[in-house]
């Protein structure tokens, strides 16, 4: 009886297939890891930039509100003086 040589059973074929899989998976895996790492760092930079712009716009709006505050306080002080004079005369 002759032994049938099958690709699945041959040791050489298994080793060649294993070497092929390793030679294919290592470059593809390393490129995928590098791409993921670059994308994560780019997304982090974009997130930090958006956060910086949001904080800047909030700061500008607060500064504008604070710039308006002294004139508003003067108007309120004048109206309070008028109210006090009205009540003190009666």
N, C-alpha and C. Protein backbone atom coordinates (compact mmCIF):
# COMPACT_ATOMS: atom_id res chain seq x y z
N UNK A 1 0.82 -1.17 0.00
CA UNK A 1 0.00 0.00 0.00
C UNK A 1 0.87 1.25 0.00
N UNK A 2 0.46 2.18 -0.84
CA UNK A 2 1.19 3.44 -0.90
C UNK A 2 0.53 4.44 0.02
N UNK A 3 1.34 5.24 0.69
CA UNK A 3 0.83 6.30 1.56
C UNK A 3 0.43 7.48 0.68
N UNK A 4 -0.79 7.95 0.88
CA UNK A 4 -1.25 9.11 0.12
C UNK A 4 -0.69 10.37 0.74
N UNK A 5 -0.12 11.18 -0.11
CA UNK A 5 0.42 12.44 0.36
C UNK A 5 -0.63 13.51 0.10
N UNK A 6 -1.07 14.09 1.16
CA UNK A 6 -2.09 15.14 1.07
C UNK A 6 -1.46 16.44 1.53
N UNK A 7 -1.99 17.53 1.02
CA UNK A 7 -1.45 18.84 1.42
C UNK A 7 -1.67 19.06 2.90
N UNK A 8 -2.79 18.60 3.41
CA UNK A 8 -3.07 18.82 4.83
C UNK A 8 -2.18 17.96 5.72
N UNK A 9 -1.72 16.87 5.22
CA UNK A 9 -0.95 15.95 6.06
C UNK A 9 0.55 16.11 5.90
N UNK A 10 0.99 16.73 4.83
CA UNK A 10 2.41 16.85 4.58
C UNK A 10 3.03 17.86 5.54
N UNK A 11 4.11 17.50 6.17
CA UNK A 11 4.79 18.38 7.11
C UNK A 11 5.39 19.56 6.38
N UNK A 12 5.96 19.32 5.21
CA UNK A 12 6.55 20.41 4.44
C UNK A 12 5.47 21.39 4.01
N UNK A 13 4.34 20.87 3.57
CA UNK A 13 3.25 21.75 3.15
C UNK A 13 2.73 22.57 4.32
N UNK A 14 2.62 21.96 5.48
CA UNK A 14 2.17 22.70 6.67
C UNK A 14 3.16 23.80 7.02
N UNK A 15 4.43 23.50 6.94
CA UNK A 15 5.44 24.50 7.25
C UNK A 15 5.43 25.64 6.23
N UNK A 16 5.27 25.31 4.96
CA UNK A 16 5.20 26.35 3.92
C UNK A 16 3.96 27.21 4.14
N UNK A 17 2.85 26.57 4.44
CA UNK A 17 1.62 27.33 4.68
C UNK A 17 1.77 28.22 5.92
N UNK A 18 2.37 27.69 6.96
CA UNK A 18 2.60 28.48 8.18
C UNK A 18 3.53 29.66 7.91
N UNK A 19 4.59 29.42 7.15
CA UNK A 19 5.51 30.50 6.79
C UNK A 19 4.81 31.55 5.94
N UNK A 20 3.98 31.10 5.00
CA UNK A 20 3.22 32.03 4.18
C UNK A 20 2.28 32.89 5.04
N UNK A 21 1.57 32.26 5.95
CA UNK A 21 0.66 33.00 6.82
C UNK A 21 1.42 34.00 7.68
N UNK A 22 2.56 33.60 8.21
CA UNK A 22 3.36 34.51 9.03
C UNK A 22 3.89 35.67 8.19
N UNK A 23 4.36 35.37 6.98
CA UNK A 23 4.89 36.43 6.12
C UNK A 23 3.81 37.39 5.66
N UNK A 24 2.58 36.96 5.60
CA UNK A 24 1.49 37.83 5.20
C UNK A 24 0.93 38.58 6.41
N UNK A 25 0.76 37.91 7.52
CA UNK A 25 0.11 38.53 8.67
C UNK A 25 0.99 39.55 9.38
N UNK A 26 2.27 39.34 9.43
CA UNK A 26 3.15 40.29 10.13
C UNK A 26 3.14 41.66 9.46
N UNK A 27 3.34 41.78 8.14
CA UNK A 27 3.29 43.12 7.54
C UNK A 27 1.89 43.76 7.61
N UNK A 28 0.87 42.96 7.35
CA UNK A 28 -0.49 43.51 7.40
C UNK A 28 -0.84 43.93 8.82
N UNK A 29 -0.49 43.12 9.79
CA UNK A 29 -0.77 43.46 11.19
C UNK A 29 -0.01 44.69 11.64
N UNK A 30 1.25 44.78 11.23
CA UNK A 30 2.03 45.95 11.64
C UNK A 30 1.51 47.22 10.96
N UNK A 31 1.11 47.14 9.70
CA UNK A 31 0.54 48.30 9.02
C UNK A 31 -0.79 48.71 9.64
N UNK A 32 -1.60 47.74 10.01
CA UNK A 32 -2.88 48.05 10.67
C UNK A 32 -2.63 48.71 12.02
N UNK A 33 -1.67 48.20 12.78
CA UNK A 33 -1.35 48.81 14.07
C UNK A 33 -0.83 50.23 13.91
N UNK A 34 0.06 50.44 12.93
CA UNK A 34 0.60 51.77 12.67
C UNK A 34 -0.50 52.73 12.24
N UNK A 35 -1.40 52.28 11.39
CA UNK A 35 -2.50 53.12 10.94
C UNK A 35 -3.42 53.48 12.10
N UNK A 36 -3.72 52.52 12.95
CA UNK A 36 -4.57 52.78 14.11
C UNK A 36 -3.91 53.77 15.05
N UNK A 37 -2.62 53.63 15.27
CA UNK A 37 -1.89 54.53 16.16
C UNK A 37 -1.88 55.95 15.60
N UNK A 38 -1.63 56.09 14.29
CA UNK A 38 -1.63 57.42 13.68
C UNK A 38 -3.01 58.05 13.71
N UNK A 39 -4.04 57.26 13.46
CA UNK A 39 -5.39 57.78 13.47
C UNK A 39 -5.80 58.21 14.88
N UNK A 40 -5.41 57.43 15.87
CA UNK A 40 -5.74 57.80 17.25
C UNK A 40 -5.05 59.09 17.65
N UNK A 41 -3.80 59.26 17.26
CA UNK A 41 -3.09 60.50 17.60
C UNK A 41 -3.68 61.69 16.85
N UNK A 42 -4.08 61.49 15.60
CA UNK A 42 -4.70 62.58 14.84
C UNK A 42 -6.05 62.96 15.44
N UNK A 43 -6.84 61.97 15.83
CA UNK A 43 -8.13 62.27 16.46
C UNK A 43 -7.95 62.99 17.79
N UNK A 44 -6.92 62.61 18.53
CA UNK A 44 -6.66 63.29 19.80
C UNK A 44 -6.27 64.75 19.56
N UNK A 45 -5.45 64.99 18.54
CA UNK A 45 -5.07 66.38 18.22
C UNK A 45 -6.28 67.19 17.80
N UNK A 46 -7.15 66.61 16.96
CA UNK A 46 -8.35 67.32 16.52
C UNK A 46 -9.29 67.60 17.69
N UNK A 47 -9.40 66.65 18.60
CA UNK A 47 -10.25 66.84 19.77
C UNK A 47 -9.70 67.96 20.64
N UNK A 48 -8.40 67.98 20.85
CA UNK A 48 -7.79 69.05 21.64
C UNK A 48 -7.97 70.40 20.97
N UNK A 49 -7.87 70.44 19.65
CA UNK A 49 -8.05 71.69 18.92
C UNK A 49 -9.49 72.19 19.02
N UNK A 50 -10.46 71.27 18.88
CA UNK A 50 -11.87 71.67 19.04
C UNK A 50 -12.16 72.16 20.45
N UNK A 51 -11.58 71.49 21.44
CA UNK A 51 -11.76 71.90 22.83
C UNK A 51 -11.15 73.28 23.06
N UNK A 52 -9.99 73.53 22.47
CA UNK A 52 -9.34 74.84 22.59
C UNK A 52 -10.22 75.93 21.98
N UNK A 53 -10.78 75.67 20.80
CA UNK A 53 -11.64 76.66 20.16
C UNK A 53 -12.91 76.91 20.96
N UNK A 54 -13.48 75.84 21.53
CA UNK A 54 -14.69 76.00 22.34
C UNK A 54 -14.39 76.83 23.59
N UNK A 55 -13.27 76.53 24.24
CA UNK A 55 -12.90 77.31 25.42
C UNK A 55 -12.62 78.76 25.07
N UNK A 56 -12.01 78.98 23.91
CA UNK A 56 -11.72 80.34 23.49
C UNK A 56 -13.01 81.12 23.23
N UNK A 57 -13.97 80.49 22.57
CA UNK A 57 -15.23 81.19 22.30
C UNK A 57 -16.00 81.46 23.59
N UNK A 58 -15.96 80.53 24.53
CA UNK A 58 -16.62 80.76 25.83
C UNK A 58 -15.93 81.90 26.56
N UNK A 59 -14.61 81.93 26.53
CA UNK A 59 -13.86 83.01 27.18
C UNK A 59 -14.16 84.37 26.56
N UNK A 60 -14.27 84.40 25.23
CA UNK A 60 -14.58 85.66 24.56
C UNK A 60 -15.98 86.14 24.94
N UNK A 61 -16.95 85.22 25.00
CA UNK A 61 -18.31 85.62 25.36
C UNK A 61 -18.37 86.10 26.82
N UNK A 62 -17.62 85.47 27.70
CA UNK A 62 -17.57 85.92 29.10
C UNK A 62 -16.91 87.29 29.18
N UNK A 63 -15.84 87.50 28.44
CA UNK A 63 -15.16 88.79 28.43
C UNK A 63 -16.07 89.90 27.89
N UNK A 64 -16.84 89.59 26.85
CA UNK A 64 -17.79 90.57 26.33
C UNK A 64 -18.86 90.89 27.37
N UNK A 65 -19.32 89.87 28.08
CA UNK A 65 -20.30 90.10 29.14
C UNK A 65 -19.73 90.94 30.27
N UNK A 66 -18.47 90.69 30.61
CA UNK A 66 -17.84 91.47 31.66
C UNK A 66 -17.57 92.91 31.22
N UNK A 67 -17.32 93.11 29.93
CA UNK A 67 -17.10 94.46 29.42
C UNK A 67 -18.40 95.26 29.47
N UNK A 68 -19.52 94.58 29.30
CA UNK A 68 -20.83 95.23 29.34
C UNK A 68 -21.29 95.49 30.78
N UNK A 69 -20.73 94.76 31.72
CA UNK A 69 -21.17 94.82 33.11
C UNK A 69 -21.03 96.20 33.76
N UNK A 70 -19.94 96.95 33.64
CA UNK A 70 -19.85 98.26 34.32
C UNK A 70 -20.94 99.24 33.87
N UNK A 71 -21.21 99.29 32.58
CA UNK A 71 -22.26 100.21 32.12
C UNK A 71 -23.63 99.76 32.63
N UNK A 72 -23.86 98.48 32.70
CA UNK A 72 -25.13 97.97 33.24
C UNK A 72 -25.24 98.28 34.73
N UNK A 73 -24.14 98.18 35.46
CA UNK A 73 -24.17 98.50 36.88
C UNK A 73 -24.43 99.99 37.10
N UNK A 74 -23.90 100.85 36.25
CA UNK A 74 -24.16 102.29 36.37
C UNK A 74 -25.64 102.59 36.13
N UNK A 75 -26.22 101.94 35.14
CA UNK A 75 -27.65 102.15 34.86
C UNK A 75 -28.47 101.69 36.05
N UNK A 76 -28.13 100.55 36.63
CA UNK A 76 -28.86 100.05 37.79
C UNK A 76 -28.66 100.97 38.99
N UNK A 77 -27.46 101.49 39.18
CA UNK A 77 -27.20 102.39 40.30
C UNK A 77 -28.02 103.67 40.17
N UNK A 78 -28.09 104.20 38.96
CA UNK A 78 -28.89 105.42 38.74
C UNK A 78 -30.36 105.15 39.00
N UNK A 79 -30.85 104.01 38.51
CA UNK A 79 -32.27 103.71 38.74
C UNK A 79 -32.55 103.44 40.22
N UNK A 80 -31.59 102.86 40.93
CA UNK A 80 -31.78 102.64 42.38
C UNK A 80 -31.78 103.96 43.14
N UNK A 81 -30.94 104.91 42.73
CA UNK A 81 -30.94 106.22 43.38
C UNK A 81 -32.26 106.92 43.19
N UNK A 82 -32.82 106.81 42.00
CA UNK A 82 -34.12 107.43 41.73
C UNK A 82 -35.19 106.80 42.60
N UNK A 83 -35.13 105.44 42.72
CA UNK A 83 -36.13 104.75 43.54
C UNK A 83 -35.99 105.16 45.01
N UNK A 84 -34.76 105.31 45.48
CA UNK A 84 -34.52 105.69 46.88
C UNK A 84 -35.02 107.11 47.12
N UNK A 85 -34.79 108.02 46.17
CA UNK A 85 -35.26 109.39 46.32
C UNK A 85 -36.78 109.45 46.32
N UNK A 86 -37.44 108.64 45.53
CA UNK A 86 -38.89 108.63 45.50
C UNK A 86 -39.46 108.19 46.85
N UNK A 87 -38.86 107.13 47.40
CA UNK A 87 -39.37 106.61 48.65
C UNK A 87 -39.00 107.49 49.84
N UNK A 88 -37.88 108.17 49.76
CA UNK A 88 -37.48 109.01 50.90
C UNK A 88 -38.30 110.31 50.93
N UNK A 89 -38.76 110.80 49.82
CA UNK A 89 -39.55 112.03 49.80
C UNK A 89 -40.98 111.81 50.31
N UNK A 90 -41.49 110.65 50.15
CA UNK A 90 -42.86 110.43 50.56
C UNK A 90 -43.01 110.05 52.00
